[in-house]
Amino acid sequence: RVDIETANPVITIDRAQIQKSGKLTVGDLVQELPSIAGAGTNPQVNNGGGSGASSISLRGLGSNRTLILIDGQRVVRNDVNQIPSNVVERIEVLLDGASSVYGSDAIAGVVNFIMRKDYQGAEFTADYGISDRDDGERKGGAFTFGQSTDRGSVVAGISYNKFDAVSAGKREFSRNALYLYGGVVTAGGSSSAPTGRLFLPAGELRDLYGCST
């Protein structure tokens, strides 16, 4: 939902939307927002390495230009999957830059996670899934507890998620890296040939043997 009454456009995801989405992690939840660019929120995509963290990059300006807040307070590490989705009340995304208020790390925008408050009771959820090729098994569970009194309230939550890896070689469409060279699509094979490669004018790819780098 876009709040048009504020000076700057704010997208809000409330608790009802979070529950309806069925997403296990906060990274999966915010990944569907149009303003979230790239695959940084998906820690399973790590073709080029990666830290395994789930970071947010608003408008493609990078995670170091997107400020993450929890109840209006800065967080030390830009890994939104460290926040259990079961304790999030709503998510507010400020699309316009707020560098004048927060500094240079908010040039792209601000994402504020509002935690649940005044919750009474306990709940447990479990999730299981698997791909149609019997791999990529997914398991998850979350527990939330809340107690409210006249003097205050406390809400605690914990979640656990496990995703089995599926390598690119397990799928035909990603088994070979494809290169477009000279108008010709060429299968590149392994991305780490020990001695390097040569691209020929005809679009052919040749490995170098007996050479050192």
N, C-alpha and C. Protein backbone atom coordinates (compact mmCIF):
# COMPACT_ATOMS: atom_id res chain seq x y z
N ARG A 1 0.84 -1.19 0.00
CA ARG A 1 0.00 0.00 0.00
C ARG A 1 0.87 1.24 0.00
N VAL A 2 0.57 2.21 -0.83
CA VAL A 2 1.33 3.45 -0.90
C VAL A 2 0.60 4.53 -0.13
N ASP A 3 1.26 5.12 0.84
CA ASP A 3 0.69 6.20 1.63
C ASP A 3 0.96 7.52 0.92
N ILE A 4 -0.08 8.13 0.34
CA ILE A 4 0.10 9.36 -0.44
C ILE A 4 -0.14 10.60 0.39
N GLU A 5 -0.43 10.44 1.70
CA GLU A 5 -0.68 11.59 2.55
C GLU A 5 0.61 12.18 3.11
N THR A 6 1.69 11.44 3.04
CA THR A 6 2.95 11.93 3.55
C THR A 6 3.67 12.77 2.51
N ALA A 7 4.69 13.51 2.96
CA ALA A 7 5.43 14.37 2.04
C ALA A 7 6.19 13.54 1.01
N ASN A 8 6.68 12.39 1.42
CA ASN A 8 7.41 11.49 0.52
C ASN A 8 6.65 10.17 0.40
N PRO A 9 6.69 9.53 -0.76
CA PRO A 9 5.95 8.28 -0.94
C PRO A 9 6.49 7.17 -0.06
N VAL A 10 5.59 6.49 0.64
CA VAL A 10 5.95 5.40 1.53
C VAL A 10 5.11 4.18 1.18
N ILE A 11 5.77 3.05 0.95
CA ILE A 11 5.08 1.79 0.73
C ILE A 11 5.02 1.05 2.06
N THR A 12 3.82 0.59 2.44
CA THR A 12 3.63 -0.08 3.71
C THR A 12 3.12 -1.50 3.48
N ILE A 13 3.78 -2.46 4.13
CA ILE A 13 3.33 -3.85 4.14
C ILE A 13 2.90 -4.17 5.57
N ASP A 14 1.60 -4.41 5.78
CA ASP A 14 1.11 -4.63 7.13
C ASP A 14 1.16 -6.11 7.50
N ARG A 15 0.74 -6.39 8.74
CA ARG A 15 0.82 -7.75 9.27
C ARG A 15 -0.05 -8.72 8.47
N ALA A 16 -1.22 -8.27 8.05
CA ALA A 16 -2.11 -9.14 7.28
C ALA A 16 -1.48 -9.55 5.96
N GLN A 17 -0.80 -8.63 5.30
CA GLN A 17 -0.13 -8.94 4.04
C GLN A 17 1.05 -9.89 4.26
N ILE A 18 1.75 -9.72 5.36
CA ILE A 18 2.88 -10.59 5.67
C ILE A 18 2.41 -12.03 5.86
N GLN A 19 1.31 -12.21 6.61
CA GLN A 19 0.79 -13.55 6.84
C GLN A 19 0.23 -14.16 5.56
N LYS A 20 -0.43 -13.35 4.76
CA LYS A 20 -1.04 -13.85 3.53
C LYS A 20 0.01 -14.27 2.50
N SER A 21 1.17 -13.63 2.52
CA SER A 21 2.21 -13.91 1.53
C SER A 21 2.78 -15.32 1.66
N GLY A 22 2.82 -15.84 2.90
CA GLY A 22 3.39 -17.16 3.12
C GLY A 22 4.90 -17.21 3.02
N LYS A 23 5.56 -16.06 2.99
CA LYS A 23 7.01 -16.02 2.88
C LYS A 23 7.65 -16.41 4.21
N LEU A 24 8.74 -17.18 4.12
CA LEU A 24 9.41 -17.63 5.33
C LEU A 24 10.34 -16.58 5.90
N THR A 25 11.00 -15.82 5.05
CA THR A 25 12.01 -14.87 5.51
C THR A 25 11.63 -13.45 5.09
N VAL A 26 12.21 -12.49 5.79
CA VAL A 26 11.97 -11.09 5.44
C VAL A 26 12.55 -10.78 4.06
N GLY A 27 13.68 -11.39 3.72
CA GLY A 27 14.28 -11.17 2.41
C GLY A 27 13.36 -11.59 1.28
N ASP A 28 12.71 -12.75 1.41
CA ASP A 28 11.76 -13.20 0.40
C ASP A 28 10.56 -12.28 0.32
N LEU A 29 10.16 -11.72 1.46
CA LEU A 29 8.98 -10.86 1.51
C LEU A 29 9.19 -9.56 0.76
N VAL A 30 10.31 -8.88 1.01
CA VAL A 30 10.54 -7.58 0.38
C VAL A 30 11.04 -7.70 -1.05
N GLN A 31 11.45 -8.91 -1.47
CA GLN A 31 12.00 -9.09 -2.81
C GLN A 31 10.97 -8.79 -3.89
N GLU A 32 9.68 -8.91 -3.58
CA GLU A 32 8.63 -8.70 -4.57
C GLU A 32 8.28 -7.23 -4.77
N LEU A 33 8.84 -6.34 -3.96
CA LEU A 33 8.56 -4.92 -4.13
C LEU A 33 9.29 -4.39 -5.37
N PRO A 34 8.61 -3.61 -6.21
CA PRO A 34 9.25 -3.11 -7.44
C PRO A 34 10.49 -2.27 -7.19
N SER A 35 10.55 -1.58 -6.04
CA SER A 35 11.68 -0.70 -5.76
C SER A 35 12.92 -1.45 -5.30
N ILE A 36 12.78 -2.74 -4.97
CA ILE A 36 13.92 -3.54 -4.53
C ILE A 36 14.60 -4.11 -5.76
N ALA A 37 15.87 -3.77 -5.97
CA ALA A 37 16.57 -4.16 -7.19
C ALA A 37 17.54 -5.29 -6.92
N GLY A 38 17.74 -6.13 -7.94
CA GLY A 38 18.76 -7.17 -7.88
C GLY A 38 18.36 -8.37 -7.06
N ALA A 39 19.29 -9.30 -6.93
CA ALA A 39 19.05 -10.55 -6.19
C ALA A 39 19.72 -10.53 -4.83
N GLY A 40 20.05 -9.34 -4.33
CA GLY A 40 20.74 -9.24 -3.05
C GLY A 40 19.92 -9.77 -1.89
N THR A 41 18.56 -9.68 -2.00
CA THR A 41 17.72 -10.17 -0.92
C THR A 41 17.60 -11.68 -0.92
N ASN A 42 18.14 -12.33 -1.96
CA ASN A 42 18.07 -13.79 -2.06
C ASN A 42 19.45 -14.38 -1.80
N PRO A 43 19.73 -14.83 -0.58
CA PRO A 43 21.07 -15.33 -0.28
C PRO A 43 21.41 -16.64 -0.98
N GLN A 44 20.41 -17.31 -1.58
CA GLN A 44 20.70 -18.58 -2.25
C GLN A 44 21.37 -18.37 -3.59
N VAL A 45 21.25 -17.18 -4.17
CA VAL A 45 21.90 -16.90 -5.46
C VAL A 45 23.29 -16.35 -5.17
N ASN A 46 24.30 -17.17 -5.35
CA ASN A 46 25.66 -16.76 -4.99
C ASN A 46 26.64 -17.22 -6.05
N ASN A 47 26.28 -17.04 -7.33
CA ASN A 47 27.17 -17.48 -8.40
C ASN A 47 28.54 -16.81 -8.33
N GLY A 48 28.57 -15.58 -7.87
CA GLY A 48 29.84 -14.87 -7.80
C GLY A 48 30.43 -14.85 -6.42
N GLY A 49 30.08 -15.82 -5.59
CA GLY A 49 30.55 -15.81 -4.22
C GLY A 49 29.45 -15.27 -3.33
N GLY A 50 29.77 -14.33 -2.47
CA GLY A 50 28.75 -13.74 -1.62
C GLY A 50 28.91 -14.15 -0.18
N SER A 51 28.35 -13.33 0.70
CA SER A 51 28.47 -13.55 2.14
C SER A 51 27.35 -14.38 2.71
N GLY A 52 26.32 -14.67 1.91
CA GLY A 52 25.16 -15.40 2.42
C GLY A 52 24.16 -14.51 3.10
N ALA A 53 24.41 -13.20 3.15
CA ALA A 53 23.49 -12.26 3.77
C ALA A 53 22.40 -11.86 2.79
N SER A 54 21.30 -11.38 3.33
CA SER A 54 20.18 -10.90 2.51
C SER A 54 20.10 -9.38 2.68
N SER A 55 20.60 -8.65 1.71
CA SER A 55 20.67 -7.20 1.79
C SER A 55 19.65 -6.56 0.86
N ILE A 56 19.32 -5.30 1.12
CA ILE A 56 18.33 -4.57 0.33
C ILE A 56 19.01 -3.44 -0.42
N SER A 57 18.72 -3.36 -1.71
CA SER A 57 19.23 -2.28 -2.55
C SER A 57 18.05 -1.59 -3.21
N LEU A 58 17.72 -0.40 -2.74
CA LEU A 58 16.62 0.35 -3.33
C LEU A 58 17.07 1.04 -4.61
N ARG A 59 16.28 0.87 -5.66
CA ARG A 59 16.50 1.52 -6.96
C ARG A 59 17.88 1.20 -7.56
N GLY A 60 18.46 0.08 -7.16
CA GLY A 60 19.71 -0.36 -7.74
C GLY A 60 20.92 0.46 -7.34
N LEU A 61 20.83 1.24 -6.27
CA LEU A 61 21.94 2.09 -5.85
C LEU A 61 22.87 1.39 -4.86
N GLY A 62 22.58 0.17 -4.51
CA GLY A 62 23.46 -0.58 -3.62
C GLY A 62 22.97 -0.59 -2.18
N SER A 63 23.33 -1.67 -1.47
CA SER A 63 22.90 -1.80 -0.08
C SER A 63 23.56 -0.78 0.83
N ASN A 64 24.73 -0.27 0.43
CA ASN A 64 25.40 0.74 1.25
C ASN A 64 24.77 2.12 1.11
N ARG A 65 23.79 2.24 0.22
CA ARG A 65 23.05 3.50 0.07
C ARG A 65 21.60 3.34 0.48
N THR A 66 21.27 2.21 1.09
CA THR A 66 19.92 1.95 1.59
C THR A 66 20.00 1.74 3.09
N LEU A 67 19.28 2.56 3.84
CA LEU A 67 19.34 2.51 5.30
C LEU A 67 18.27 1.56 5.83
N ILE A 68 18.67 0.65 6.71
CA ILE A 68 17.77 -0.30 7.35
C ILE A 68 17.56 0.13 8.81
N LEU A 69 16.30 0.24 9.21
CA LEU A 69 15.95 0.62 10.57
C LEU A 69 15.06 -0.45 11.19
N ILE A 70 15.16 -0.61 12.50
CA ILE A 70 14.23 -1.43 13.28
C ILE A 70 13.61 -0.53 14.33
N ASP A 71 12.31 -0.30 14.20
CA ASP A 71 11.61 0.65 15.08
C ASP A 71 12.30 2.01 15.09
N GLY A 72 12.77 2.43 13.92
CA GLY A 72 13.39 3.74 13.79
C GLY A 72 14.84 3.81 14.20
N GLN A 73 15.43 2.69 14.62
CA GLN A 73 16.82 2.67 15.06
C GLN A 73 17.67 1.94 14.02
N ARG A 74 18.88 2.45 13.80
CA ARG A 74 19.79 1.84 12.84
C ARG A 74 20.22 0.45 13.30
N VAL A 75 20.47 -0.41 12.33
CA VAL A 75 21.01 -1.74 12.63
C VAL A 75 22.46 -1.79 12.18
N VAL A 76 23.24 -2.64 12.83
CA VAL A 76 24.67 -2.70 12.55
C VAL A 76 24.94 -3.38 11.22
N ARG A 77 24.23 -4.46 10.94
CA ARG A 77 24.50 -5.28 9.75
C ARG A 77 23.29 -5.27 8.84
N ASN A 78 23.54 -5.04 7.56
CA ASN A 78 22.45 -4.98 6.58
C ASN A 78 22.10 -6.38 6.11
N ASP A 79 21.58 -7.19 7.02
CA ASP A 79 21.11 -8.54 6.70
C ASP A 79 19.70 -8.67 7.27
N VAL A 80 18.70 -8.50 6.41
CA VAL A 80 17.32 -8.45 6.89
C VAL A 80 16.83 -9.83 7.32
N ASN A 81 17.50 -10.90 6.92
CA ASN A 81 17.07 -12.23 7.35
C ASN A 81 17.43 -12.51 8.80
N GLN A 82 18.15 -11.60 9.45
CA GLN A 82 18.38 -11.75 10.88
C GLN A 82 17.15 -11.30 11.68
N ILE A 83 16.15 -10.74 10.99
CA ILE A 83 14.91 -10.31 11.64
C ILE A 83 13.87 -11.40 11.43
N PRO A 84 13.37 -12.05 12.48
CA PRO A 84 12.32 -13.07 12.29
C PRO A 84 11.05 -12.43 11.74
N SER A 85 10.54 -12.98 10.66
CA SER A 85 9.35 -12.38 10.04
C SER A 85 8.12 -12.48 10.93
N ASN A 86 8.10 -13.41 11.88
CA ASN A 86 6.94 -13.58 12.73
C ASN A 86 6.81 -12.50 13.80
N VAL A 87 7.83 -11.67 14.00
CA VAL A 87 7.73 -10.59 14.98
C VAL A 87 7.61 -9.22 14.32
N VAL A 88 7.47 -9.19 13.00
CA VAL A 88 7.34 -7.93 12.27
C VAL A 88 5.87 -7.56 12.14
N GLU A 89 5.52 -6.37 12.60
CA GLU A 89 4.14 -5.88 12.49
C GLU A 89 3.88 -5.27 11.12
N ARG A 90 4.82 -4.48 10.65
CA ARG A 90 4.69 -3.89 9.31
C ARG A 90 6.06 -3.43 8.83
N ILE A 91 6.15 -3.22 7.53
CA ILE A 91 7.38 -2.74 6.89
C ILE A 91 7.06 -1.47 6.14
N GLU A 92 7.83 -0.42 6.39
CA GLU A 92 7.65 0.86 5.72
C GLU A 92 8.87 1.14 4.85
N VAL A 93 8.62 1.40 3.57
CA VAL A 93 9.70 1.66 2.61
C VAL A 93 9.57 3.09 2.12
N LEU A 94 10.53 3.94 2.46
CA LEU A 94 10.58 5.32 1.99
C LEU A 94 11.35 5.33 0.68
N LEU A 95 10.65 5.61 -0.41
CA LEU A 95 11.26 5.50 -1.73
C LEU A 95 12.19 6.65 -2.06
N ASP A 96 11.89 7.85 -1.59
CA ASP A 96 12.75 9.00 -1.86
C ASP A 96 13.94 9.00 -0.92
N GLY A 97 15.04 9.53 -1.40
CA GLY A 97 16.23 9.61 -0.57
C GLY A 97 16.01 10.46 0.67
N ALA A 98 16.64 10.06 1.77
CA ALA A 98 16.51 10.78 3.03
C ALA A 98 17.88 11.12 3.58
N SER A 99 18.81 11.45 2.69
CA SER A 99 20.18 11.72 3.13
C SER A 99 20.27 12.97 3.98
N SER A 100 19.35 13.91 3.80
CA SER A 100 19.39 15.13 4.59
C SER A 100 19.07 14.86 6.06
N VAL A 101 18.37 13.75 6.33
CA VAL A 101 18.01 13.40 7.70
C VAL A 101 18.95 12.34 8.27
N TYR A 102 19.24 11.30 7.47
CA TYR A 102 19.99 10.15 7.97
C TYR A 102 21.44 10.10 7.50
N GLY A 103 21.79 10.89 6.49
CA GLY A 103 23.15 10.84 5.99
C GLY A 103 23.26 10.13 4.66
N SER A 104 24.50 9.91 4.21
CA SER A 104 24.74 9.37 2.87
C SER A 104 24.29 7.93 2.71
N ASP A 105 24.15 7.18 3.80
CA ASP A 105 23.70 5.79 3.67
C ASP A 105 22.21 5.67 3.43
N ALA A 106 21.51 6.80 3.27
CA ALA A 106 20.07 6.79 2.98
C ALA A 106 19.77 7.50 1.66
N ILE A 107 20.76 7.58 0.77
CA ILE A 107 20.55 8.24 -0.52
C ILE A 107 19.47 7.53 -1.33
N ALA A 108 19.49 6.20 -1.33
CA ALA A 108 18.50 5.43 -2.11
C ALA A 108 17.15 5.40 -1.43
N GLY A 109 17.13 5.42 -0.11
CA GLY A 109 15.87 5.35 0.62
C GLY A 109 16.06 4.68 1.96
N VAL A 110 14.94 4.46 2.65
CA VAL A 110 14.96 3.90 3.99
C VAL A 110 13.92 2.78 4.08
N VAL A 111 14.30 1.68 4.72
CA VAL A 111 13.37 0.59 5.00
C VAL A 111 13.30 0.43 6.52
N ASN A 112 12.09 0.63 7.07
CA ASN A 112 11.90 0.61 8.51
C ASN A 112 11.02 -0.59 8.88
N PHE A 113 11.55 -1.47 9.72
CA PHE A 113 10.80 -2.64 10.19
C PHE A 113 10.20 -2.33 11.56
N ILE A 114 8.88 -2.33 11.64
CA ILE A 114 8.17 -2.06 12.89
C ILE A 114 7.83 -3.39 13.55
N MET A 115 8.29 -3.58 14.78
CA MET A 115 8.07 -4.84 15.47
C MET A 115 6.67 -4.90 16.10
N ARG A 116 6.20 -6.11 16.34
CA ARG A 116 4.89 -6.32 16.96
C ARG A 116 4.95 -5.91 18.43
N LYS A 117 3.87 -5.26 18.87
CA LYS A 117 3.76 -4.82 20.26
C LYS A 117 2.36 -5.15 20.77
N ASP A 118 2.23 -5.24 22.07
CA ASP A 118 0.93 -5.51 22.71
C ASP A 118 0.30 -6.81 22.20
N TYR A 119 1.14 -7.79 21.90
CA TYR A 119 0.64 -9.09 21.47
C TYR A 119 0.46 -9.99 22.69
N GLN A 120 -0.68 -10.66 22.75
CA GLN A 120 -0.99 -11.53 23.88
C GLN A 120 -1.21 -12.96 23.38
N GLY A 121 -0.40 -13.89 23.88
CA GLY A 121 -0.59 -15.28 23.50
C GLY A 121 0.67 -15.90 22.96
N ALA A 122 0.49 -17.04 22.31
CA ALA A 122 1.62 -17.77 21.73
C ALA A 122 1.16 -18.44 20.44
N GLU A 123 2.08 -18.55 19.48
CA GLU A 123 1.74 -19.19 18.22
C GLU A 123 2.97 -19.89 17.66
N PHE A 124 2.71 -20.96 16.95
CA PHE A 124 3.78 -21.73 16.32
C PHE A 124 3.36 -22.05 14.89
N THR A 125 4.28 -21.85 13.95
CA THR A 125 4.01 -22.17 12.55
C THR A 125 5.14 -23.04 12.02
N ALA A 126 4.80 -23.90 11.08
CA ALA A 126 5.79 -24.78 10.45
C ALA A 126 5.55 -24.78 8.95
N ASP A 127 6.63 -24.98 8.20
CA ASP A 127 6.53 -24.95 6.75
C ASP A 127 7.46 -26.00 6.16
N TYR A 128 7.00 -26.61 5.06
CA TYR A 128 7.83 -27.58 4.35
C TYR A 128 7.53 -27.48 2.87
N GLY A 129 8.57 -27.56 2.05
CA GLY A 129 8.38 -27.51 0.61
C GLY A 129 9.51 -28.22 -0.11
N ILE A 130 9.24 -28.61 -1.35
CA ILE A 130 10.24 -29.28 -2.17
C ILE A 130 9.92 -28.98 -3.63
N SER A 131 10.95 -28.96 -4.48
CA SER A 131 10.73 -28.65 -5.88
C SER A 131 10.06 -29.82 -6.60
N ASP A 132 9.59 -29.56 -7.82
CA ASP A 132 8.94 -30.62 -8.59
C ASP A 132 9.93 -31.66 -9.11
N ARG A 133 11.23 -31.45 -8.84
CA ARG A 133 12.25 -32.42 -9.22
C ARG A 133 12.85 -33.12 -8.00
N ASP A 134 12.12 -33.02 -6.90
CA ASP A 134 12.50 -33.70 -5.65
C ASP A 134 13.86 -33.24 -5.12
N ASP A 135 14.17 -31.96 -5.27
CA ASP A 135 15.37 -31.40 -4.65
C ASP A 135 15.01 -30.01 -4.13
N GLY A 136 16.00 -29.31 -3.59
CA GLY A 136 15.74 -27.99 -3.04
C GLY A 136 14.78 -28.01 -1.87
N GLU A 137 14.93 -29.00 -1.00
CA GLU A 137 14.02 -29.14 0.14
C GLU A 137 14.09 -27.91 1.04
N ARG A 138 12.93 -27.51 1.55
CA ARG A 138 12.84 -26.32 2.40
C ARG A 138 12.07 -26.66 3.66
N LYS A 139 12.66 -26.31 4.80
CA LYS A 139 12.03 -26.54 6.09
C LYS A 139 12.07 -25.25 6.89
N GLY A 140 11.01 -24.99 7.63
CA GLY A 140 10.98 -23.77 8.43
C GLY A 140 10.03 -23.89 9.60
N GLY A 141 10.33 -23.14 10.65
CA GLY A 141 9.46 -23.09 11.82
C GLY A 141 9.64 -21.77 12.54
N ALA A 142 8.59 -21.31 13.19
CA ALA A 142 8.65 -20.03 13.91
C ALA A 142 7.78 -20.11 15.16
N PHE A 143 8.28 -19.51 16.24
CA PHE A 143 7.53 -19.46 17.50
C PHE A 143 7.49 -18.02 17.98
N THR A 144 6.30 -17.58 18.38
CA THR A 144 6.10 -16.22 18.87
C THR A 144 5.37 -16.26 20.20
N PHE A 145 5.84 -15.45 21.14
CA PHE A 145 5.21 -15.37 22.46
C PHE A 145 5.07 -13.91 22.85
N GLY A 146 3.92 -13.56 23.41
CA GLY A 146 3.70 -12.19 23.86
C GLY A 146 2.90 -12.13 25.14
N GLN A 147 3.24 -11.17 25.99
CA GLN A 147 2.54 -10.98 27.26
C GLN A 147 2.38 -9.48 27.50
N SER A 148 1.16 -9.06 27.81
CA SER A 148 0.88 -7.64 28.04
C SER A 148 0.26 -7.46 29.42
N THR A 149 0.70 -6.40 30.11
CA THR A 149 0.13 -6.02 31.40
C THR A 149 -0.09 -4.52 31.41
N ASP A 150 -0.60 -4.01 32.52
CA ASP A 150 -0.81 -2.58 32.64
C ASP A 150 0.51 -1.81 32.65
N ARG A 151 1.58 -2.47 33.02
CA ARG A 151 2.87 -1.81 33.12
C ARG A 151 3.70 -1.89 31.84
N GLY A 152 3.28 -2.72 30.92
CA GLY A 152 4.04 -2.84 29.69
C GLY A 152 3.76 -4.16 28.99
N SER A 153 4.57 -4.46 28.02
CA SER A 153 4.39 -5.69 27.25
C SER A 153 5.74 -6.19 26.77
N VAL A 154 5.77 -7.48 26.48
CA VAL A 154 6.97 -8.09 25.93
C VAL A 154 6.56 -9.06 24.83
N VAL A 155 7.29 -9.01 23.74
CA VAL A 155 7.05 -9.90 22.61
C VAL A 155 8.39 -10.52 22.22
N ALA A 156 8.42 -11.83 22.11
CA ALA A 156 9.64 -12.53 21.73
C ALA A 156 9.32 -13.51 20.60
N GLY A 157 10.26 -13.68 19.72
CA GLY A 157 10.04 -14.59 18.60
C GLY A 157 11.34 -15.18 18.12
N ILE A 158 11.25 -16.38 17.57
CA ILE A 158 12.40 -17.05 17.00
C ILE A 158 11.95 -17.81 15.76
N SER A 159 12.81 -17.87 14.78
CA SER A 159 12.48 -18.61 13.56
C SER A 159 13.71 -19.37 13.09
N TYR A 160 13.46 -20.47 12.40
CA TYR A 160 14.52 -21.30 11.85
C TYR A 160 14.12 -21.73 10.45
N ASN A 161 15.03 -21.56 9.50
CA ASN A 161 14.77 -21.94 8.12
C ASN A 161 15.99 -22.64 7.54
N LYS A 162 15.76 -23.69 6.79
CA LYS A 162 16.83 -24.45 6.15
C LYS A 162 16.45 -24.70 4.70
N PHE A 163 17.33 -24.31 3.79
CA PHE A 163 17.11 -24.48 2.36
C PHE A 163 18.24 -25.34 1.79
N ASP A 164 17.89 -26.46 1.21
CA ASP A 164 18.90 -27.30 0.56
C ASP A 164 19.33 -26.68 -0.76
N ALA A 165 20.62 -26.75 -1.04
CA ALA A 165 21.17 -26.12 -2.24
C ALA A 165 20.78 -26.89 -3.50
N VAL A 166 20.59 -26.14 -4.57
CA VAL A 166 20.39 -26.70 -5.91
C VAL A 166 21.41 -26.03 -6.82
N SER A 167 22.38 -26.79 -7.30
CA SER A 167 23.43 -26.21 -8.13
C SER A 167 22.92 -25.93 -9.53
N ALA A 168 23.60 -25.02 -10.21
CA ALA A 168 23.20 -24.65 -11.57
C ALA A 168 23.28 -25.83 -12.52
N GLY A 169 24.19 -26.77 -12.25
CA GLY A 169 24.33 -27.93 -13.11
C GLY A 169 23.17 -28.89 -13.06
N LYS A 170 22.27 -28.71 -12.10
CA LYS A 170 21.11 -29.59 -11.97
C LYS A 170 19.97 -29.21 -12.93
N ARG A 171 20.09 -28.06 -13.58
CA ARG A 171 19.04 -27.60 -14.49
C ARG A 171 19.64 -27.38 -15.87
N GLU A 172 18.93 -27.81 -16.91
CA GLU A 172 19.44 -27.69 -18.27
C GLU A 172 19.62 -26.23 -18.68
N PHE A 173 18.72 -25.35 -18.24
CA PHE A 173 18.79 -23.96 -18.67
C PHE A 173 19.95 -23.21 -18.04
N SER A 174 20.55 -23.73 -16.98
CA SER A 174 21.66 -23.04 -16.31
C SER A 174 22.92 -23.89 -16.26
N ARG A 175 22.93 -25.01 -16.94
CA ARG A 175 24.08 -25.92 -16.85
C ARG A 175 25.34 -25.32 -17.47
N ASN A 176 25.19 -24.62 -18.59
CA ASN A 176 26.33 -24.01 -19.27
C ASN A 176 26.14 -22.50 -19.34
N ALA A 177 27.21 -21.78 -19.03
CA ALA A 177 27.17 -20.32 -19.16
C ALA A 177 27.21 -19.95 -20.64
N LEU A 178 26.32 -19.06 -21.05
CA LEU A 178 26.24 -18.66 -22.46
C LEU A 178 26.83 -17.27 -22.65
N TYR A 179 27.57 -17.08 -23.72
CA TYR A 179 28.18 -15.80 -24.05
C TYR A 179 27.72 -15.36 -25.44
N LEU A 180 27.46 -14.08 -25.58
CA LEU A 180 27.13 -13.52 -26.89
C LEU A 180 28.35 -12.78 -27.40
N TYR A 181 28.99 -13.31 -28.44
CA TYR A 181 30.20 -12.71 -28.98
C TYR A 181 30.10 -12.69 -30.50
N GLY A 182 30.18 -11.51 -31.06
CA GLY A 182 30.10 -11.36 -32.51
C GLY A 182 28.77 -11.82 -33.08
N GLY A 183 27.71 -11.67 -32.31
CA GLY A 183 26.39 -12.08 -32.76
C GLY A 183 26.14 -13.56 -32.67
N VAL A 184 27.06 -14.31 -32.06
CA VAL A 184 26.93 -15.77 -31.94
C VAL A 184 26.88 -16.14 -30.46
N VAL A 185 25.90 -16.96 -30.10
CA VAL A 185 25.78 -17.45 -28.73
C VAL A 185 26.66 -18.68 -28.57
N THR A 186 27.58 -18.63 -27.60
CA THR A 186 28.53 -19.71 -27.39
C THR A 186 28.43 -20.22 -25.97
N ALA A 187 28.46 -21.54 -25.80
CA ALA A 187 28.48 -22.14 -24.48
C ALA A 187 29.88 -22.02 -23.91
N GLY A 188 30.01 -21.36 -22.78
CA GLY A 188 31.33 -21.09 -22.23
C GLY A 188 31.90 -22.19 -21.38
N GLY A 189 31.05 -23.12 -20.90
CA GLY A 189 31.57 -24.18 -20.04
C GLY A 189 31.94 -23.65 -18.67
N SER A 190 33.00 -24.18 -18.11
CA SER A 190 33.42 -23.78 -16.78
C SER A 190 33.86 -22.32 -16.77
N SER A 191 33.54 -21.63 -15.67
CA SER A 191 33.90 -20.22 -15.55
C SER A 191 35.30 -20.01 -15.00
N SER A 192 36.01 -21.07 -14.68
CA SER A 192 37.34 -20.93 -14.08
C SER A 192 38.34 -21.88 -14.75
N ALA A 193 38.61 -21.66 -16.04
CA ALA A 193 39.63 -22.45 -16.74
C ALA A 193 41.00 -22.06 -16.19
N PRO A 194 41.83 -23.02 -15.78
CA PRO A 194 43.10 -22.71 -15.11
C PRO A 194 44.04 -21.84 -15.94
N THR A 195 44.07 -22.04 -17.27
CA THR A 195 45.05 -21.32 -18.09
C THR A 195 44.42 -20.24 -18.96
N GLY A 196 43.14 -19.98 -18.80
CA GLY A 196 42.51 -18.91 -19.56
C GLY A 196 41.90 -19.38 -20.87
N ARG A 197 41.30 -18.43 -21.62
CA ARG A 197 40.62 -18.75 -22.87
C ARG A 197 40.87 -17.65 -23.90
N LEU A 198 40.58 -18.00 -25.15
CA LEU A 198 40.61 -17.05 -26.26
C LEU A 198 39.26 -17.05 -26.95
N PHE A 199 38.72 -15.85 -27.21
CA PHE A 199 37.53 -15.71 -28.04
C PHE A 199 37.98 -15.43 -29.47
N LEU A 200 37.63 -16.31 -30.40
CA LEU A 200 38.00 -16.16 -31.79
C LEU A 200 36.95 -15.35 -32.54
N PRO A 201 37.33 -14.73 -33.66
CA PRO A 201 36.39 -13.88 -34.41
C PRO A 201 35.10 -14.60 -34.80
N ALA A 202 35.15 -15.89 -35.02
CA ALA A 202 33.95 -16.62 -35.43
C ALA A 202 33.03 -16.92 -34.26
N GLY A 203 33.38 -16.43 -33.08
CA GLY A 203 32.57 -16.69 -31.90
C GLY A 203 32.93 -17.96 -31.18
N GLU A 204 33.99 -18.64 -31.63
CA GLU A 204 34.40 -19.88 -31.00
C GLU A 204 35.21 -19.57 -29.74
N LEU A 205 35.17 -20.52 -28.84
CA LEU A 205 35.87 -20.38 -27.56
C LEU A 205 36.90 -21.48 -27.46
N ARG A 206 38.14 -21.10 -27.19
CA ARG A 206 39.22 -22.09 -27.11
C ARG A 206 39.97 -21.93 -25.79
N ASP A 207 40.18 -23.07 -25.11
CA ASP A 207 40.98 -23.06 -23.90
C ASP A 207 42.46 -23.00 -24.25
N LEU A 208 43.25 -22.40 -23.38
CA LEU A 208 44.70 -22.34 -23.56
C LEU A 208 45.34 -23.45 -22.74
N TYR A 209 46.15 -24.26 -23.38
CA TYR A 209 46.80 -25.37 -22.70
C TYR A 209 48.30 -25.09 -22.58
N GLY A 210 48.88 -25.49 -21.48
CA GLY A 210 50.32 -25.37 -21.29
C GLY A 210 50.77 -23.95 -21.04
N CYS A 211 49.87 -23.05 -20.68
CA CYS A 211 50.23 -21.65 -20.42
C CYS A 211 50.09 -21.39 -18.93
N SER A 212 50.84 -20.44 -18.46
CA SER A 212 50.75 -20.06 -17.06
C SER A 212 50.35 -18.61 -16.98
N THR A 213 49.68 -18.25 -15.88
CA THR A 213 49.24 -16.88 -15.68
C THR A 213 49.87 -16.31 -14.43
